[in-house]
Amino acid sequence: MPEMISTDGYYREIGYFLSCIEQDRDPQLTTPQQSRDAVALALAEAESICTGKVIEI
């Protein structure tokens, strides 16, 4: 695993998901579906920037 600053949001998010796995509980702060949607949005934004077009989600 790459070195990460412990105050970084990604670091804390990964830690949260790992603790959910270790404690065998479903994530409550951010669900896997919300994470998937956030990635889809970021990819659409990047595509829009590159193409100069509106991207439907």
PDB file of N, CA and C in Angstrom:
ATOM      1  N   MET A   1       0.854  -1.177   0.000  1.00  0.00           N
ATOM      2  CA  MET A   1       0.000   0.000   0.000  1.00  0.00           C
ATOM      3  C   MET A   1       0.902   1.243   0.000  1.00  0.00           C
ATOM      4  N   PRO A   2       0.568   2.240  -0.794  1.00  0.00           N
ATOM      5  CA  PRO A   2       1.388   3.455  -0.817  1.00  0.00           C
ATOM      6  C   PRO A   2       1.315   4.220   0.501  1.00  0.00           C
ATOM      7  N   GLU A   3       2.376   4.964   0.782  1.00  0.00           N
ATOM      8  CA  GLU A   3       2.402   5.813   1.975  1.00  0.00           C
ATOM      9  C   GLU A   3       1.381   6.935   1.806  1.00  0.00           C
ATOM     10  N   MET A   4       0.614   7.203   2.865  1.00  0.00           N
ATOM     11  CA  MET A   4      -0.387   8.265   2.813  1.00  0.00           C
ATOM     12  C   MET A   4      -0.320   9.087   4.091  1.00  0.00           C
ATOM     13  N   ILE A   5      -0.632  10.356   3.971  1.00  0.00           N
ATOM     14  CA  ILE A   5      -0.690  11.239   5.133  1.00  0.00           C
ATOM     15  C   ILE A   5      -1.956  10.884   5.920  1.00  0.00           C
ATOM     16  N   SER A   6      -1.839  10.700   7.230  1.00  0.00           N
ATOM     17  CA  SER A   6      -2.969  10.230   8.027  1.00  0.00           C
ATOM     18  C   SER A   6      -4.108  11.243   8.142  1.00  0.00           C
ATOM     19  N   THR A   7      -3.883  12.491   7.773  1.00  0.00           N
ATOM     20  CA  THR A   7      -4.953  13.486   7.815  1.00  0.00           C
ATOM     21  C   THR A   7      -5.652  13.631   6.470  1.00  0.00           C
ATOM     22  N   ASP A   8      -5.187  12.884   5.477  1.00  0.00           N
ATOM     23  CA  ASP A   8      -5.762  12.918   4.140  1.00  0.00           C
ATOM     24  C   ASP A   8      -7.148  12.257   4.161  1.00  0.00           C
ATOM     25  N   GLY A   9      -8.092  12.851   3.455  1.00  0.00           N
ATOM     26  CA  GLY A   9      -9.453  12.313   3.418  1.00  0.00           C
ATOM     27  C   GLY A   9      -9.520  10.901   2.870  1.00  0.00           C
ATOM     28  N   TYR A  10      -8.700  10.603   1.863  1.00  0.00           N
ATOM     29  CA  TYR A  10      -8.689   9.258   1.301  1.00  0.00           C
ATOM     30  C   TYR A  10      -8.200   8.253   2.339  1.00  0.00           C
ATOM     31  N   TYR A  11      -7.200   8.624   3.092  1.00  0.00           N
ATOM     32  CA  TYR A  11      -6.654   7.764   4.138  1.00  0.00           C
ATOM     33  C   TYR A  11      -7.745   7.420   5.155  1.00  0.00           C
ATOM     34  N   ARG A  12      -8.466   8.424   5.596  1.00  0.00           N
ATOM     35  CA  ARG A  12      -9.521   8.202   6.589  1.00  0.00           C
ATOM     36  C   ARG A  12     -10.670   7.377   6.002  1.00  0.00           C
ATOM     37  N   GLU A  13     -10.983   7.602   4.728  1.00  0.00           N
ATOM     38  CA  GLU A  13     -12.055   6.842   4.097  1.00  0.00           C
ATOM     39  C   GLU A  13     -11.680   5.362   3.998  1.00  0.00           C
ATOM     40  N   ILE A  14     -10.450   5.094   3.586  1.00  0.00           N
ATOM     41  CA  ILE A  14      -9.983   3.704   3.505  1.00  0.00           C
ATOM     42  C   ILE A  14      -9.997   3.071   4.888  1.00  0.00           C
ATOM     43  N   GLY A  15      -9.531   3.808   5.891  1.00  0.00           N
ATOM     44  CA  GLY A  15      -9.550   3.304   7.264  1.00  0.00           C
ATOM     45  C   GLY A  15     -10.959   2.971   7.735  1.00  0.00           C
ATOM     46  N   TYR A  16     -11.912   3.823   7.380  1.00  0.00           N
ATOM     47  CA  TYR A  16     -13.310   3.593   7.754  1.00  0.00           C
ATOM     48  C   TYR A  16     -13.817   2.295   7.128  1.00  0.00           C
ATOM     49  N   PHE A  17     -13.572   2.115   5.832  1.00  0.00           N
ATOM     50  CA  PHE A  17     -14.035   0.896   5.164  1.00  0.00           C
ATOM     51  C   PHE A  17     -13.352  -0.339   5.733  1.00  0.00           C
ATOM     52  N   LEU A  18     -12.064  -0.247   6.032  1.00  0.00           N
ATOM     53  CA  LEU A  18     -11.371  -1.384   6.637  1.00  0.00           C
ATOM     54  C   LEU A  18     -11.958  -1.733   7.995  1.00  0.00           C
ATOM     55  N   SER A  19     -12.294  -0.725   8.794  1.00  0.00           N
ATOM     56  CA  SER A  19     -12.886  -1.005  10.108  1.00  0.00           C
ATOM     57  C   SER A  19     -14.269  -1.650   9.950  1.00  0.00           C
ATOM     58  N   CYS A  20     -15.017  -1.259   8.926  1.00  0.00           N
ATOM     59  CA  CYS A  20     -16.313  -1.893   8.669  1.00  0.00           C
ATOM     60  C   CYS A  20     -16.122  -3.369   8.336  1.00  0.00           C
ATOM     61  N   ILE A  21     -15.121  -3.673   7.530  1.00  0.00           N
ATOM     62  CA  ILE A  21     -14.836  -5.061   7.174  1.00  0.00           C
ATOM     63  C   ILE A  21     -14.413  -5.843   8.410  1.00  0.00           C
ATOM     64  N   GLU A  22     -13.504  -5.266   9.193  1.00  0.00           N
ATOM     65  CA  GLU A  22     -13.015  -5.944  10.398  1.00  0.00           C
ATOM     66  C   GLU A  22     -14.129  -6.210  11.403  1.00  0.00           C
ATOM     67  N   GLN A  23     -15.092  -5.296  11.486  1.00  0.00           N
ATOM     68  CA  GLN A  23     -16.185  -5.424  12.454  1.00  0.00           C
ATOM     69  C   GLN A  23     -17.432  -6.070  11.839  1.00  0.00           C
ATOM     70  N   ASP A  24     -17.309  -6.500  10.579  1.00  0.00           N
ATOM     71  CA  ASP A  24     -18.399  -7.167   9.864  1.00  0.00           C
ATOM     72  C   ASP A  24     -19.695  -6.360   9.929  1.00  0.00           C
ATOM     73  N   ARG A  25     -19.588  -5.065   9.570  1.00  0.00           N
ATOM     74  CA  ARG A  25     -20.779  -4.213   9.556  1.00  0.00           C
ATOM     75  C   ARG A  25     -20.823  -3.433   8.242  1.00  0.00           C
ATOM     76  N   ASP A  26     -22.013  -3.088   7.833  1.00  0.00           N
ATOM     77  CA  ASP A  26     -22.201  -2.328   6.604  1.00  0.00           C
ATOM     78  C   ASP A  26     -21.776  -0.878   6.815  1.00  0.00           C
ATOM     79  N   PRO A  27     -21.164  -0.272   5.810  1.00  0.00           N
ATOM     80  CA  PRO A  27     -20.816   1.145   5.912  1.00  0.00           C
ATOM     81  C   PRO A  27     -22.073   1.998   6.036  1.00  0.00           C
ATOM     82  N   GLN A  28     -22.028   3.006   6.896  1.00  0.00           N
ATOM     83  CA  GLN A  28     -23.159   3.903   7.087  1.00  0.00           C
ATOM     84  C   GLN A  28     -22.861   5.319   6.601  1.00  0.00           C
ATOM     85  N   LEU A  29     -21.600   5.733   6.643  1.00  0.00           N
ATOM     86  CA  LEU A  29     -21.264   7.105   6.243  1.00  0.00           C
ATOM     87  C   LEU A  29     -21.319   7.278   4.735  1.00  0.00           C
ATOM     88  N   THR A  30     -20.711   6.373   4.037  1.00  0.00           N
ATOM     89  CA  THR A  30     -20.725   6.389   2.581  1.00  0.00           C
ATOM     90  C   THR A  30     -20.887   4.951   2.114  1.00  0.00           C
ATOM     91  N   THR A  31     -21.964   4.693   1.418  1.00  0.00           N
ATOM     92  CA  THR A  31     -22.212   3.330   0.956  1.00  0.00           C
ATOM     93  C   THR A  31     -21.393   3.050  -0.303  1.00  0.00           C
ATOM     94  N   PRO A  32     -21.183   1.783  -0.629  1.00  0.00           N
ATOM     95  CA  PRO A  32     -20.487   1.460  -1.877  1.00  0.00           C
ATOM     96  C   PRO A  32     -21.176   2.070  -3.101  1.00  0.00           C
ATOM     97  N   GLN A  33     -22.491   2.128  -3.078  1.00  0.00           N
ATOM     98  CA  GLN A  33     -23.226   2.715  -4.204  1.00  0.00           C
ATOM     99  C   GLN A  33     -22.931   4.214  -4.334  1.00  0.00           C
ATOM    100  N   GLN A  34     -22.850   4.911  -3.202  1.00  0.00           N
ATOM    101  CA  GLN A  34     -22.516   6.335  -3.246  1.00  0.00           C
ATOM    102  C   GLN A  34     -21.094   6.542  -3.746  1.00  0.00           C
ATOM    103  N   SER A  35     -20.196   5.665  -3.362  1.00  0.00           N
ATOM    104  CA  SER A  35     -18.815   5.753  -3.851  1.00  0.00           C
ATOM    105  C   SER A  35     -18.771   5.528  -5.357  1.00  0.00           C
ATOM    106  N   ARG A  36     -19.515   4.522  -5.828  1.00  0.00           N
ATOM    107  CA  ARG A  36     -19.592   4.251  -7.266  1.00  0.00           C
ATOM    108  C   ARG A  36     -20.124   5.471  -8.015  1.00  0.00           C
ATOM    109  N   ASP A  37     -21.179   6.085  -7.488  1.00  0.00           N
ATOM    110  CA  ASP A  37     -21.770   7.252  -8.140  1.00  0.00           C
ATOM    111  C   ASP A  37     -20.796   8.436  -8.163  1.00  0.00           C
ATOM    112  N   ALA A  38     -20.019   8.601  -7.098  1.00  0.00           N
ATOM    113  CA  ALA A  38     -19.043   9.692  -7.042  1.00  0.00           C
ATOM    114  C   ALA A  38     -17.962   9.495  -8.095  1.00  0.00           C
ATOM    115  N   VAL A  39     -17.522   8.243  -8.286  1.00  0.00           N
ATOM    116  CA  VAL A  39     -16.513   7.958  -9.312  1.00  0.00           C
ATOM    117  C   VAL A  39     -17.100   8.201 -10.699  1.00  0.00           C
ATOM    118  N   ALA A  40     -18.339   7.767 -10.924  1.00  0.00           N
ATOM    119  CA  ALA A  40     -18.986   7.991 -12.222  1.00  0.00           C
ATOM    120  C   ALA A  40     -19.102   9.483 -12.522  1.00  0.00           C
ATOM    121  N   LEU A  41     -19.439  10.269 -11.517  1.00  0.00           N
ATOM    122  CA  LEU A  41     -19.549  11.715 -11.694  1.00  0.00           C
ATOM    123  C   LEU A  41     -18.193  12.326 -12.042  1.00  0.00           C
ATOM    124  N   ALA A  42     -17.151  11.916 -11.322  1.00  0.00           N
ATOM    125  CA  ALA A  42     -15.811  12.454 -11.597  1.00  0.00           C
ATOM    126  C   ALA A  42     -15.357  12.083 -13.003  1.00  0.00           C
ATOM    127  N   LEU A  43     -15.637  10.866 -13.447  1.00  0.00           N
ATOM    128  CA  LEU A  43     -15.262  10.456 -14.803  1.00  0.00           C
ATOM    129  C   LEU A  43     -16.034  11.251 -15.853  1.00  0.00           C
ATOM    130  N   ALA A  44     -17.320  11.502 -15.597  1.00  0.00           N
ATOM    131  CA  ALA A  44     -18.120  12.303 -16.532  1.00  0.00           C
ATOM    132  C   ALA A  44     -17.604  13.735 -16.585  1.00  0.00           C
ATOM    133  N   GLU A  45     -17.224  14.281 -15.434  1.00  0.00           N
ATOM    134  CA  GLU A  45     -16.650  15.636 -15.412  1.00  0.00           C
ATOM    135  C   GLU A  45     -15.365  15.695 -16.236  1.00  0.00           C
ATOM    136  N   ALA A  46     -14.508  14.700 -16.065  1.00  0.00           N
ATOM    137  CA  ALA A  46     -13.253  14.667 -16.815  1.00  0.00           C
ATOM    138  C   ALA A  46     -13.520  14.559 -18.318  1.00  0.00           C
ATOM    139  N   GLU A  47     -14.471  13.709 -18.690  1.00  0.00           N
ATOM    140  CA  GLU A  47     -14.821  13.566 -20.109  1.00  0.00           C
ATOM    141  C   GLU A  47     -15.371  14.879 -20.665  1.00  0.00           C
ATOM    142  N   SER A  48     -16.200  15.560 -19.894  1.00  0.00           N
ATOM    143  CA  SER A  48     -16.759  16.836 -20.319  1.00  0.00           C
ATOM    144  C   SER A  48     -15.667  17.875 -20.539  1.00  0.00           C
ATOM    145  N   ILE A  49     -14.705  17.896 -19.634  1.00  0.00           N
ATOM    146  CA  ILE A  49     -13.593  18.843 -19.773  1.00  0.00           C
ATOM    147  C   ILE A  49     -12.792  18.544 -21.040  1.00  0.00           C
ATOM    148  N   CYS A  50     -12.530  17.267 -21.279  1.00  0.00           N
ATOM    149  CA  CYS A  50     -11.712  16.871 -22.441  1.00  0.00           C
ATOM    150  C   CYS A  50     -12.423  17.095 -23.762  1.00  0.00           C
ATOM    151  N   THR A  51     -13.743  16.889 -23.777  1.00  0.00           N
ATOM    152  CA  THR A  51     -14.483  16.991 -25.032  1.00  0.00           C
ATOM    153  C   THR A  51     -15.185  18.320 -25.223  1.00  0.00           C
ATOM    154  N   GLY A  52     -15.386  19.061 -24.131  1.00  0.00           N
ATOM    155  CA  GLY A  52     -16.115  20.326 -24.200  1.00  0.00           C
ATOM    156  C   GLY A  52     -17.609  20.119 -24.381  1.00  0.00           C
ATOM    157  N   LYS A  53     -18.085  18.885 -24.107  1.00  0.00           N
ATOM    158  CA  LYS A  53     -19.496  18.560 -24.292  1.00  0.00           C
ATOM    159  C   LYS A  53     -20.142  18.263 -22.956  1.00  0.00           C
ATOM    160  N   VAL A  54     -21.486  18.397 -22.930  1.00  0.00           N
ATOM    161  CA  VAL A  54     -22.251  17.984 -21.760  1.00  0.00           C
ATOM    162  C   VAL A  54     -22.350  16.459 -21.782  1.00  0.00           C
ATOM    163  N   ILE A  55     -22.055  15.829 -20.668  1.00  0.00           N
ATOM    164  CA  ILE A  55     -22.107  14.377 -20.570  1.00  0.00           C
ATOM    165  C   ILE A  55     -23.306  13.989 -19.719  1.00  0.00           C
ATOM    166  N   GLU A  56     -24.164  13.175 -20.288  1.00  0.00           N
ATOM    167  CA  GLU A  56     -25.344  12.686 -19.559  1.00  0.00           C
ATOM    168  C   GLU A  56     -24.923  11.579 -18.616  1.00  0.00           C
ATOM    169  N   ILE A  57     -25.491  11.601 -17.426  1.00  0.00           N
ATOM    170  CA  ILE A  57     -25.205  10.532 -16.453  1.00  0.00           C
ATOM    171  C   ILE A  57     -26.479   9.747 -16.227  1.00  0.00           C
TER     172      ILE A  57
END
